[in-house]
Amino acid sequence: MALWRIDACKAETGDRSNTSIYNAIRAGLFTRPVAIGQRAKAWPDYEVKAIVRARIAGQSDGEIRELVNRLHAKRIDQLATV
């Protein structure tokens, strides 16, 4: 698993600005970042790829919100096994 900074996420999703990503997070359409330092955030690559695949597949915003919730739950499950 790789962690992608915001520029890599924008390149993968086609977004042009950081604001686009953060607006999608507020709308529940993108996962929240994880802290990788005091002022640095990143996203697991598999989460970004899953969201992009859902968009390409034509899933609705509601379906993508469900996906985002599942991805967040997966993070919690992974922490429980560490």
Protein backbone atom coordinates (compact mmCIF):
# COMPACT_ATOMS: atom_id res chain seq x y z
CA MET A 1 0.00 0.00 0.00
CA ALA A 2 1.24 3.47 -0.87
CA LEU A 3 0.24 6.81 0.57
CA TRP A 4 -0.46 9.53 -1.94
CA ARG A 5 -0.14 13.24 -1.20
CA ILE A 6 -2.78 15.58 -2.58
CA ASP A 7 -1.00 16.24 -5.90
CA ALA A 8 -1.03 12.52 -6.71
CA CYS A 9 -4.71 12.31 -5.73
CA LYS A 10 -5.55 15.25 -8.00
CA ALA A 11 -3.65 13.64 -10.87
CA GLU A 12 -5.51 10.35 -10.38
CA THR A 13 -8.97 11.92 -10.07
CA GLY A 14 -8.52 14.68 -12.63
CA ASP A 15 -9.28 17.40 -10.09
CA ARG A 16 -7.51 20.69 -10.69
CA SER A 17 -7.42 22.09 -7.16
CA ASN A 18 -6.95 21.05 -3.57
CA THR A 19 -10.32 22.63 -2.87
CA SER A 20 -12.02 20.12 -5.18
CA ILE A 21 -10.69 17.25 -3.08
CA TYR A 22 -11.62 18.88 0.23
CA ASN A 23 -15.12 19.76 -1.05
CA ALA A 24 -15.59 16.11 -2.03
CA ILE A 25 -14.50 15.08 1.49
CA ARG A 26 -17.08 17.44 3.03
CA ALA A 27 -19.74 16.02 0.70
CA GLY A 28 -18.83 12.47 1.73
CA LEU A 29 -17.58 11.63 -1.77
CA PHE A 30 -13.89 11.19 -0.90
CA THR A 31 -12.13 9.66 2.06
CA ARG A 32 -10.53 11.75 4.77
CA PRO A 33 -6.75 11.96 4.68
CA VAL A 34 -4.48 10.32 7.22
CA ALA A 35 -1.83 12.28 9.07
CA ILE A 36 1.69 11.36 8.02
CA GLY A 37 3.38 14.19 9.86
CA GLN A 38 2.61 17.25 11.91
CA ARG A 39 1.40 19.19 8.87
CA ALA A 40 1.29 16.50 6.19
CA LYS A 41 -1.67 14.43 5.05
CA ALA A 42 -2.01 11.62 2.53
CA TRP A 43 -4.50 9.04 1.26
CA PRO A 44 -4.05 5.29 0.84
CA ASP A 45 -3.73 4.68 -2.89
CA TYR A 46 -6.28 1.85 -2.92
CA GLU A 47 -8.95 4.22 -1.56
CA VAL A 48 -8.36 6.80 -4.28
CA LYS A 49 -8.36 4.10 -6.96
CA ALA A 50 -11.61 2.60 -5.61
CA ILE A 51 -13.34 5.98 -5.76
CA VAL A 52 -12.11 6.61 -9.31
CA ARG A 53 -13.31 3.14 -10.40
CA ALA A 54 -16.73 3.89 -8.90
CA ARG A 55 -16.94 7.18 -10.81
CA ILE A 56 -15.93 5.47 -14.06
CA ALA A 57 -18.56 2.78 -13.44
CA GLY A 58 -21.18 5.54 -13.23
CA GLN A 59 -22.11 4.99 -9.61
CA SER A 60 -24.35 7.59 -8.04
CA ASP A 61 -23.23 9.98 -5.32
CA GLY A 62 -25.17 7.88 -2.81
CA GLU A 63 -23.33 4.73 -3.86
CA ILE A 64 -20.00 6.52 -3.64
CA ARG A 65 -20.85 7.78 -0.15
CA GLU A 66 -21.50 4.16 0.86
CA LEU A 67 -18.14 3.19 -0.65
CA VAL A 68 -16.39 5.96 1.29
CA ASN A 69 -18.03 4.75 4.50
CA ARG A 70 -16.85 1.18 3.79
CA LEU A 71 -13.32 2.42 3.09
CA HIS A 72 -13.26 4.32 6.40
CA ALA A 73 -14.54 1.22 8.21
CA LYS A 74 -11.80 -0.85 6.56
CA ARG A 75 -9.20 1.51 8.04
CA ILE A 76 -10.60 0.87 11.51
CA ASP A 77 -10.64 -2.89 10.94
CA GLN A 78 -7.02 -2.81 9.79
CA LEU A 79 -5.98 -0.93 12.91
CA ALA A 80 -7.67 -3.55 15.08
CA THR A 81 -5.49 -6.27 13.57
CA VAL A 82 -2.20 -4.42 14.11
